[in-house]
Amino acid sequence: MNRDVVIIGGGVSGLATGALLAKAGCSVKVLEQGNQPGGRAYTYEDRGFTLNYGPHAVYRPQSGVLGEILRRLGVPDIPHGYVQPTRSYWADGDRFGAVGARPHEALRTPLFPLASRLRLPLLMAAIRFAKPETLGDQTYGDWVDAHVSDARLRRFAVALGTVNTYTRPSRALSARFLLGHLQRNLFAKDYVGYMSGGWRTMYDAFIGVLRANGGALVTGAHVRRLESGGGRVIAAVTQDARHEAAAFICTLPPQDAPSIAEDGSPLADELGRWSGVEDVRALCVDLGFSRRLRTDLAYVFDIERDLYYSLHSEVTPDLAPPGAQLLHAMAYLAPDEADDEGLLAGRRAALEAGLDRWFAGWREAVVVDRSLPNVRVSALRQTPPQRAMRVPLRSQTAANLYFAGDARDIEGNLTEICLKSALEAADAVERDGAASLEGALAAS
């Protein structure tokens, strides 16, 4: 099928969509406003350490949607490291320990008193056998309160929600969304993985397929506006070029998309509905250590404070030089914390206090220190009210404009939604192009 497609945004969604469409025979151009591709998945190296732009865990990298896309593209699976449950530690006040994945491990964990340990299987069974589709607009916090009577297990259940969505507070999330995610992933063999070589390995694979099939990636191409008329998008206009196409795919966050619509156009009214969508943010610190500070654990989560510490190189060794160690630390941010410099400073102080507590000597061992004080983790906070504002596959005012990204109205979480939306958008463009061609042939 010979069809021109312009994709706005060179992050995970845009590059995956571009690779899929180029592989299918479309003439594809991806426009990325930054000087480097990758968007929020951008990866770079500093003194032998591989750093990603903020959080970068992938759920079910082999058996999930990433594996599906790589197989469709004819690309081998990307190696991942997986955190062993016995090296995943949790802190709750003065209690500290791993829970493990097997019943006998959970029954011995020092994280809970004996009474809570005995009730833990009931919590896991409640998650596993819940019926998310029946929960409507119920919040996860309400579901936890109704199904978990033990106070320590309630805190643990809420922490599971936070660490799986990067969202603080997780109690406000949609129960349907979060329980669906936990059911798909928590009990999978390849639950969550850290990518060898960082996320660059994934998006470089997409770029390779895109270019091998005649597609183009244009960096430094900030789309200023979409020209539209007659119920269609005609061109994407950058600072120095005008890009016409038969189909357009917008992967911008919904908060940013209204800026590219022409003033006063029906498209501007449509995209303007999403300008108030709430995103998810975190304060991130990446630390490269000259030596391995701890080898007994790979992960610590502070339940009381919503703080996360992951020794990524203990799971995926190629992320740090031999004998060194890479730690990714994160303070999840509630909306008010993301908007207040004083509260942000308090979250940074709490994060550093945790480093002092669990990684003694870290200050003297630091050779790389990269801080991101207010990272957008996800474009949409998956609370019941916000889920009503999710972005559809197609524009209602421009027949040839499609949407992809982590704010799409697809069941999933974070990168799962990015990749699922890429598949859906690519398939829709192919189907619509084939239908248009058949219509043209019939008319002739």
Protein backbone atom coordinates (compact mmCIF):
# COMPACT_ATOMS: atom_id res chain seq x y z
CA MET A 1 0.00 0.00 0.00
CA ASN A 2 1.48 3.33 -1.08
CA ARG A 3 0.27 5.93 1.42
CA ASP A 4 1.98 8.94 2.96
CA VAL A 5 1.81 9.19 6.77
CA VAL A 6 3.17 11.93 9.03
CA ILE A 7 3.66 11.09 12.70
CA ILE A 8 3.98 13.93 15.21
CA GLY A 9 6.31 12.92 18.03
CA GLY A 10 9.35 10.65 18.06
CA GLY A 11 8.84 8.97 21.42
CA VAL A 12 7.97 5.32 22.01
CA SER A 13 4.47 5.60 20.51
CA GLY A 14 5.54 7.56 17.45
CA LEU A 15 8.57 5.42 16.63
CA ALA A 16 6.69 2.15 17.15
CA THR A 17 3.83 3.35 14.95
CA GLY A 18 6.26 4.55 12.32
CA ALA A 19 8.12 1.25 12.24
CA LEU A 20 4.88 -0.74 11.95
CA LEU A 21 3.55 1.40 9.10
CA ALA A 22 6.86 1.49 7.22
CA LYS A 23 7.07 -2.30 7.50
CA ALA A 24 3.53 -2.45 6.04
CA GLY A 25 4.59 -0.43 3.00
CA CYS A 26 3.56 3.11 3.92
CA SER A 27 5.72 6.14 3.21
CA VAL A 28 6.35 7.40 6.76
CA LYS A 29 7.85 10.55 8.19
CA VAL A 30 8.27 10.96 11.97
CA LEU A 31 8.64 14.55 13.20
CA GLU A 32 10.38 14.91 16.58
CA GLN A 33 10.77 18.36 18.12
CA GLY A 34 13.85 17.42 20.18
CA ASN A 35 17.36 17.02 18.88
CA GLN A 36 17.34 13.34 19.84
CA PRO A 37 14.66 10.68 19.38
CA GLY A 38 13.06 8.79 22.24
CA GLY A 39 10.95 11.44 23.99
CA ARG A 40 10.44 10.36 27.62
CA ALA A 41 12.35 7.16 26.77
CA TYR A 42 15.51 9.10 25.85
CA THR A 43 18.69 7.27 26.89
CA TYR A 44 22.28 8.45 27.05
CA GLU A 45 25.62 7.41 28.56
CA ASP A 46 27.74 9.23 31.12
CA ARG A 47 31.14 7.78 32.10
CA GLY A 48 30.00 4.27 31.25
CA PHE A 49 26.61 4.48 33.00
CA THR A 50 23.43 4.15 30.91
CA LEU A 51 20.82 6.67 32.05
CA ASN A 52 17.20 6.83 31.00
CA TYR A 53 14.95 9.85 31.29
CA GLY A 54 13.20 8.85 34.49
CA PRO A 55 11.31 5.58 35.10
CA HIS A 56 11.83 2.83 32.56
CA ALA A 57 10.53 -0.55 33.74
CA VAL A 58 8.66 -2.60 31.12
CA TYR A 59 5.81 -4.93 32.03
CA ARG A 60 5.89 -8.41 30.45
CA PRO A 61 8.61 -7.48 27.95
CA GLN A 62 8.61 -10.95 26.35
CA SER A 63 4.98 -12.10 26.63
CA GLY A 64 3.26 -8.70 26.40
CA VAL A 65 2.73 -6.08 23.72
CA LEU A 66 6.44 -5.24 23.28
CA GLY A 67 7.15 -8.83 22.26
CA GLU A 68 4.16 -8.76 19.91
CA ILE A 69 5.43 -5.64 18.14
CA LEU A 70 9.00 -6.92 17.85
CA ARG A 71 7.75 -10.18 16.32
CA ARG A 72 5.61 -8.29 13.82
CA LEU A 73 8.64 -6.18 12.88
CA GLY A 74 10.88 -9.24 12.58
CA VAL A 75 13.17 -7.99 15.35
CA PRO A 76 14.59 -10.37 18.01
CA ASP A 77 13.40 -10.02 21.60
CA ILE A 78 15.38 -7.48 23.60
CA PRO A 79 17.23 -8.94 26.63
CA HIS A 80 15.89 -7.80 30.00
CA GLY A 81 16.90 -8.26 33.60
CA TYR A 82 14.26 -9.29 36.12
CA VAL A 83 14.23 -8.42 39.82
CA GLN A 84 14.15 -11.52 42.01
CA PRO A 85 11.28 -11.28 44.54
CA THR A 86 13.65 -12.32 47.34
CA ARG A 87 15.78 -9.23 46.56
CA SER A 88 12.82 -6.84 46.45
CA TYR A 89 12.64 -5.17 49.87
CA TRP A 90 9.88 -3.11 51.45
CA ALA A 91 10.05 -0.78 54.44
CA ASP A 92 7.05 0.00 56.64
CA GLY A 93 8.03 2.01 59.70
CA ASP A 94 10.52 -0.09 61.65
CA ARG A 95 9.82 -3.24 59.58
CA PHE A 96 12.00 -4.12 56.60
CA GLY A 97 12.13 -7.19 54.43
CA ALA A 98 11.38 -9.00 51.19
CA VAL A 99 8.01 -10.70 50.72
CA GLY A 100 9.08 -13.18 48.05
CA ALA A 101 6.85 -14.97 45.57
CA ARG A 102 6.33 -18.35 47.23
CA PRO A 103 4.01 -19.04 50.19
CA HIS A 104 6.80 -20.18 52.49
CA GLU A 105 8.77 -17.00 51.74
CA ALA A 106 5.77 -14.79 52.54
CA LEU A 107 5.15 -16.66 55.79
CA ARG A 108 8.68 -15.85 56.96
CA THR A 109 8.90 -12.21 55.88
CA PRO A 110 9.88 -9.78 58.64
CA LEU A 111 7.85 -7.07 56.89
CA PHE A 112 4.65 -8.22 58.60
CA PRO A 113 3.76 -9.61 62.02
CA LEU A 114 2.53 -13.20 62.00
CA ALA A 115 -1.18 -12.34 61.87
CA SER A 116 -0.64 -10.20 58.75
CA ARG A 117 1.53 -12.89 57.12
CA LEU A 118 -1.29 -15.41 57.52
CA ARG A 119 -3.75 -13.04 55.85
CA LEU A 120 -1.43 -12.10 52.94
CA PRO A 121 -2.64 -15.00 50.71
CA LEU A 122 -6.18 -13.66 51.08
CA LEU A 123 -5.07 -10.27 49.74
CA MET A 124 -3.33 -11.84 46.74
CA ALA A 125 -6.37 -14.03 46.05
CA ALA A 126 -8.66 -11.00 46.22
CA ILE A 127 -6.50 -9.22 43.62
CA ARG A 128 -6.21 -12.27 41.38
CA PHE A 129 -9.91 -13.13 41.32
CA ALA A 130 -11.43 -9.66 41.35
CA LYS A 131 -13.74 -8.77 38.45
CA PRO A 132 -12.50 -5.33 37.34
CA GLU A 133 -15.19 -4.96 34.68
CA THR A 134 -17.85 -4.87 37.43
CA LEU A 135 -16.26 -2.09 39.49
CA GLY A 136 -17.48 0.93 37.53
CA ASP A 137 -16.07 4.18 38.94
CA GLN A 138 -14.99 2.66 42.27
CA THR A 139 -11.59 3.84 43.47
CA TYR A 140 -8.79 1.46 44.34
CA GLY A 141 -8.76 2.82 47.90
CA ASP A 142 -12.43 1.96 48.35
CA TRP A 143 -11.82 -1.53 46.96
CA VAL A 144 -8.87 -2.07 49.34
CA ASP A 145 -10.91 -0.90 52.34
CA ALA A 146 -13.71 -3.30 51.42
CA HIS A 147 -11.47 -6.34 50.89
CA VAL A 148 -8.55 -5.92 53.31
CA SER A 149 -9.18 -5.66 57.04
CA ASP A 150 -5.55 -5.81 58.22
CA ALA A 151 -4.04 -2.30 58.52
CA ARG A 152 -0.52 -3.33 57.50
CA LEU A 153 -1.80 -5.24 54.48
CA ARG A 154 -3.92 -2.25 53.47
CA ARG A 155 -0.79 -0.11 53.42
CA PHE A 156 1.01 -2.81 51.42
CA ALA A 157 -1.86 -3.03 48.91
CA VAL A 158 -1.77 0.74 48.42
CA ALA A 159 2.02 0.56 47.98
CA LEU A 160 1.57 -2.11 45.31
CA GLY A 161 -0.69 0.35 43.51
CA THR A 162 1.85 3.16 43.75
CA VAL A 163 4.88 1.19 42.63
CA ASN A 164 2.98 -0.27 39.67
CA THR A 165 1.65 3.07 38.41
CA TYR A 166 4.11 5.68 39.78
CA THR A 167 1.00 7.48 41.05
CA ARG A 168 0.69 9.16 44.46
CA PRO A 169 -1.81 8.70 45.97
CA SER A 170 -2.75 5.36 44.41
CA ARG A 171 -5.91 5.14 46.51
CA ALA A 172 -7.54 7.66 44.16
CA LEU A 173 -6.93 5.51 41.07
CA SER A 174 -9.65 3.60 39.27
CA ALA A 175 -10.04 0.13 40.80
CA ARG A 176 -10.97 -1.22 37.38
CA PHE A 177 -7.76 0.13 35.87
CA LEU A 178 -5.37 -0.91 38.64
CA LEU A 179 -6.76 -4.36 39.38
CA GLY A 180 -6.79 -5.12 35.67
CA HIS A 181 -3.13 -4.16 35.46
CA LEU A 182 -2.17 -6.22 38.50
CA GLN A 183 -4.01 -9.26 37.17
CA ARG A 184 -2.29 -9.06 33.78
CA ASN A 185 1.19 -8.54 35.19
CA LEU A 186 1.66 -9.36 38.86
CA PHE A 187 1.37 -13.11 38.33
CA ALA A 188 3.27 -13.27 35.01
CA LYS A 189 6.69 -14.93 34.77
CA ASP A 190 8.16 -11.85 33.08
CA TYR A 191 6.32 -9.45 35.40
CA VAL A 192 8.61 -6.43 35.06
CA GLY A 193 12.01 -6.07 33.39
CA TYR A 194 14.82 -3.56 32.96
CA MET A 195 16.01 -3.34 29.38
CA SER A 196 19.58 -4.19 28.46
CA GLY A 197 21.19 -1.05 27.08
CA GLY A 198 18.35 1.11 28.39
CA TRP A 199 15.27 2.11 26.44
CA ARG A 200 17.48 3.22 23.57
CA THR A 201 17.74 -0.46 22.62
CA MET A 202 13.98 -0.52 21.99
CA TYR A 203 13.59 2.76 20.16
CA ASP A 204 16.74 2.16 18.09
CA ALA A 205 15.14 -1.10 16.94
CA PHE A 206 12.05 0.84 15.85
CA ILE A 207 14.19 3.45 14.08
CA GLY A 208 16.13 0.70 12.31
CA VAL A 209 12.95 -0.85 10.89
CA LEU A 210 11.55 2.58 9.99
CA ARG A 211 14.64 3.54 7.97
CA ALA A 212 15.19 0.09 6.47
CA ASN A 213 11.74 0.37 4.93
CA GLY A 214 12.18 3.86 3.49
CA GLY A 215 10.81 5.88 6.40
CA ALA A 216 12.35 9.09 7.72
CA LEU A 217 12.96 10.43 11.22
CA VAL A 218 13.34 14.22 11.33
CA THR A 219 14.66 15.64 14.62
CA GLY A 220 14.49 19.31 15.56
CA ALA A 221 11.13 19.46 13.76
CA HIS A 222 8.75 21.28 16.10
CA VAL A 223 5.25 21.17 14.64
CA ARG A 224 3.81 24.66 15.00
CA ARG A 225 0.35 23.94 13.61
CA LEU A 226 -1.80 21.51 11.69
CA GLU A 227 -3.45 23.01 8.62
CA SER A 228 -6.96 21.63 8.24
CA GLY A 229 -9.96 22.04 5.99
CA GLY A 230 -12.89 20.08 4.67
CA GLY A 231 -12.89 17.84 7.72
CA ARG A 232 -9.29 16.68 7.19
CA VAL A 233 -5.75 17.62 8.17
CA ILE A 234 -3.87 18.86 5.13
CA ALA A 235 -0.34 19.50 6.44
CA ALA A 236 1.86 19.64 9.52
CA VAL A 237 3.83 22.87 9.53
CA THR A 238 7.20 23.14 11.28
CA GLN A 239 9.43 26.19 11.58
CA ASP A 240 11.03 25.53 8.19
CA ALA A 241 8.86 23.05 6.27
CA ARG A 242 5.33 22.01 5.38
CA HIS A 243 4.62 18.27 5.48
CA GLU A 244 1.58 17.05 3.55
CA ALA A 245 0.24 13.51 3.89
CA ALA A 246 -2.83 11.33 3.48
CA ALA A 247 -2.87 10.47 7.20
CA PHE A 248 -1.53 12.07 10.38
CA ILE A 249 -0.89 10.49 13.78
CA CYS A 250 -0.47 12.73 16.81
CA THR A 251 1.42 11.25 19.77
CA LEU A 252 1.77 14.46 21.77
CA PRO A 253 0.55 14.48 25.38
CA PRO A 254 -3.04 15.78 25.48
CA GLN A 255 -1.89 18.81 27.47
CA ASP A 256 0.38 19.82 24.54
CA ALA A 257 -1.76 18.83 21.55
CA PRO A 258 -4.06 21.91 21.59
CA SER A 259 -1.09 24.14 20.77
CA ILE A 260 -0.79 22.74 17.23
CA ALA A 261 -4.42 23.30 16.15
CA GLU A 262 -5.26 26.40 14.10
CA ASP A 263 -6.99 29.04 16.17
CA GLY A 264 -10.75 28.97 15.78
CA SER A 265 -10.82 25.66 13.94
CA PRO A 266 -13.09 22.74 14.90
CA LEU A 267 -9.91 20.80 15.65
CA ALA A 268 -8.84 23.47 18.16
CA ASP A 269 -12.16 23.06 20.00
CA GLU A 270 -11.76 19.28 20.01
CA LEU A 271 -8.17 19.21 21.28
CA GLY A 272 -8.85 21.99 23.76
CA ARG A 273 -11.02 19.61 25.80
CA TRP A 274 -7.85 17.82 26.93
CA SER A 275 -5.82 20.84 28.02
CA GLY A 276 -6.79 20.22 31.66
CA VAL A 277 -5.91 16.52 31.81
CA GLU A 278 -3.89 15.73 34.96
CA ASP A 279 -0.57 13.98 34.45
CA VAL A 280 1.59 11.83 36.76
CA ARG A 281 4.92 13.22 37.97
CA ALA A 282 7.93 12.09 39.94
CA LEU A 283 11.21 13.45 41.30
CA CYS A 284 14.00 11.24 39.95
CA VAL A 285 17.68 10.91 40.86
CA ASP A 286 20.13 8.64 39.03
CA LEU A 287 23.39 7.90 40.81
CA GLY A 288 26.40 6.14 39.39
CA PHE A 289 28.59 4.69 42.14
CA SER A 290 32.28 3.89 41.80
CA ARG A 291 31.70 0.64 43.69
CA ARG A 292 28.87 -1.71 44.60
CA LEU A 293 27.37 -0.37 47.81
CA ARG A 294 24.95 -3.27 48.36
CA THR A 295 24.71 -6.71 46.83
CA ASP A 296 22.09 -8.22 49.13
CA LEU A 297 19.12 -6.45 47.52
CA ALA A 298 18.10 -4.85 44.24
CA TYR A 299 15.11 -2.77 45.27
CA VAL A 300 13.69 -0.89 48.25
CA PHE A 301 10.25 0.72 48.49
CA ASP A 302 9.33 2.93 51.46
CA ILE A 303 5.62 2.28 52.00
CA GLU A 304 5.09 5.18 54.40
CA ARG A 305 6.70 7.84 52.19
CA ASP A 306 6.18 6.52 48.63
CA LEU A 307 9.93 6.43 47.90
CA TYR A 308 11.54 4.01 45.47
CA TYR A 309 15.17 2.89 45.19
CA SER A 310 16.32 0.44 42.53
CA LEU A 311 19.85 -0.79 41.89
CA HIS A 312 19.22 -1.26 38.19
CA SER A 313 22.71 -2.59 37.50
CA GLU A 314 22.16 -5.43 39.98
CA VAL A 315 19.39 -6.59 37.64
CA THR A 316 20.85 -5.54 34.26
CA PRO A 317 24.64 -5.36 34.74
CA ASP A 318 25.47 -3.66 31.43
CA LEU A 319 23.92 -0.41 32.72
CA ALA A 320 27.07 0.30 34.77
CA PRO A 321 30.81 -0.24 34.27
CA PRO A 322 32.35 -3.39 35.79
CA GLY A 323 32.60 -3.11 39.57
CA ALA A 324 30.37 -0.01 39.63
CA GLN A 325 26.67 0.33 40.42
CA LEU A 326 23.76 2.36 39.03
CA LEU A 327 20.93 3.38 41.36
CA HIS A 328 17.66 4.95 40.28
CA ALA A 329 15.80 6.71 43.11
CA MET A 330 12.38 8.26 42.86
CA ALA A 331 9.95 10.22 45.02
CA TYR A 332 6.43 9.90 43.65
CA LEU A 333 4.63 13.26 43.56
CA ALA A 334 1.04 14.09 44.41
CA PRO A 335 -0.40 16.89 42.24
CA ASP A 336 0.08 19.53 44.95
CA GLU A 337 3.70 18.45 45.47
CA ALA A 338 4.48 18.73 41.75
CA ASP A 339 3.15 22.31 41.76
CA ASP A 340 4.90 23.60 44.91
CA GLU A 341 8.66 24.22 45.11
CA GLY A 342 8.65 23.94 48.90
CA LEU A 343 6.90 20.57 48.86
CA LEU A 344 9.25 19.39 46.10
CA ALA A 345 12.23 20.30 48.28
CA GLY A 346 10.71 18.27 51.11
CA ARG A 347 10.31 15.26 48.85
CA ARG A 348 13.95 15.59 47.78
CA ALA A 349 15.06 15.71 51.43
CA ALA A 350 13.01 12.59 52.20
CA LEU A 351 14.56 10.79 49.22
CA GLU A 352 18.07 11.63 50.37
CA ALA A 353 17.26 10.55 53.93
CA GLY A 354 16.33 7.17 52.53
CA LEU A 355 19.61 7.00 50.64
CA ASP A 356 21.43 7.68 53.91
CA ARG A 357 19.41 4.97 55.63
CA TRP A 358 19.75 2.15 53.11
CA PHE A 359 22.88 2.99 51.11
CA ALA A 360 25.50 4.07 53.62
CA GLY A 361 28.49 5.79 52.02
CA TRP A 362 26.63 6.74 48.86
CA ARG A 363 27.79 10.36 48.86
CA GLU A 364 31.47 9.39 48.79
CA ALA A 365 30.89 6.79 46.05
CA VAL A 366 29.01 9.04 43.58
CA VAL A 367 30.71 9.63 40.22
CA VAL A 368 27.53 10.44 38.24
CA ASP A 369 24.62 12.43 39.71
CA ARG A 370 21.69 13.32 37.48
CA SER A 371 18.54 14.89 38.99
CA LEU A 372 15.18 15.38 37.31
CA PRO A 373 13.07 17.32 39.82
CA ASN A 374 9.65 17.10 38.14
CA VAL A 375 9.40 14.41 35.45
CA ARG A 376 6.18 13.67 33.58
CA VAL A 377 5.84 9.91 33.99
CA SER A 378 2.45 9.53 32.33
CA ALA A 379 0.25 12.01 30.51
CA LEU A 380 -2.94 10.92 32.26
CA ARG A 381 -3.70 10.17 35.92
CA GLN A 382 -5.91 7.08 35.87
CA THR A 383 -8.53 8.24 38.37
CA PRO A 384 -12.21 7.66 37.53
CA PRO A 385 -12.84 11.34 36.53
CA GLN A 386 -9.66 11.53 34.44
CA ARG A 387 -10.38 8.26 32.65
CA ALA A 388 -13.49 9.93 31.24
CA MET A 389 -11.08 12.34 29.48
CA ARG A 390 -8.94 9.71 27.76
CA VAL A 391 -8.00 10.33 24.14
CA PRO A 392 -9.76 8.29 21.41
CA LEU A 393 -8.20 6.57 18.40
CA ARG A 394 -9.65 9.03 15.87
CA SER A 395 -10.35 12.71 15.72
CA GLN A 396 -14.03 13.62 15.53
CA THR A 397 -13.35 16.71 13.39
CA ALA A 398 -10.51 15.53 11.09
CA ALA A 399 -11.15 12.16 9.45
CA ASN A 400 -7.48 11.43 8.71
CA LEU A 401 -6.07 12.32 12.15
CA TYR A 402 -5.34 9.51 14.63
CA PHE A 403 -3.96 9.53 18.17
CA ALA A 404 -1.45 7.34 20.01
CA GLY A 405 0.27 7.62 23.39
CA ASP A 406 -0.21 6.78 27.05
CA ALA A 407 -3.36 8.93 27.39
CA ARG A 408 -5.28 6.75 24.92
CA ASP A 409 -8.55 5.04 25.88
CA ILE A 410 -6.94 1.60 26.02
CA GLU A 411 -6.80 -0.73 29.00
CA GLY A 412 -3.19 -0.99 30.12
CA ASN A 413 -0.56 0.98 31.98
CA LEU A 414 2.26 3.36 31.03
CA THR A 415 4.35 1.89 28.16
CA GLU A 416 1.76 -0.84 27.64
CA ILE A 417 -0.67 1.86 26.49
CA CYS A 418 1.99 3.55 24.32
CA LEU A 419 2.71 0.32 22.48
CA LYS A 420 -0.90 -0.89 22.28
CA SER A 421 -1.95 2.47 20.87
CA ALA A 422 0.84 2.26 18.29
CA LEU A 423 -0.49 -1.11 17.11
CA GLU A 424 -4.06 0.18 16.99
CA ALA A 425 -3.17 3.39 15.14
CA ALA A 426 -1.00 1.56 12.59
CA ASP A 427 -3.71 -1.03 11.95
CA ALA A 428 -6.37 1.69 11.56
CA VAL A 429 -4.30 3.63 9.02
CA GLU A 430 -3.69 0.44 7.04
CA ARG A 431 -7.38 -0.52 7.06
CA ASP A 432 -8.55 2.97 6.13
CA GLY A 433 -5.97 3.20 3.36
CA ALA A 434 -7.04 -0.13 1.91
CA ALA A 435 -10.71 0.91 2.11
CA SER A 436 -9.96 4.21 0.35
CA LEU A 437 -8.10 2.40 -2.41
CA GLU A 438 -10.95 -0.05 -2.91
CA GLY A 439 -13.41 2.84 -3.06
CA ALA A 440 -11.32 4.66 -5.64
CA LEU A 441 -11.03 1.53 -7.80
CA ALA A 442 -14.78 0.92 -7.56
CA ALA A 443 -15.53 4.52 -8.57
CA SER A 444 -13.26 4.25 -11.62
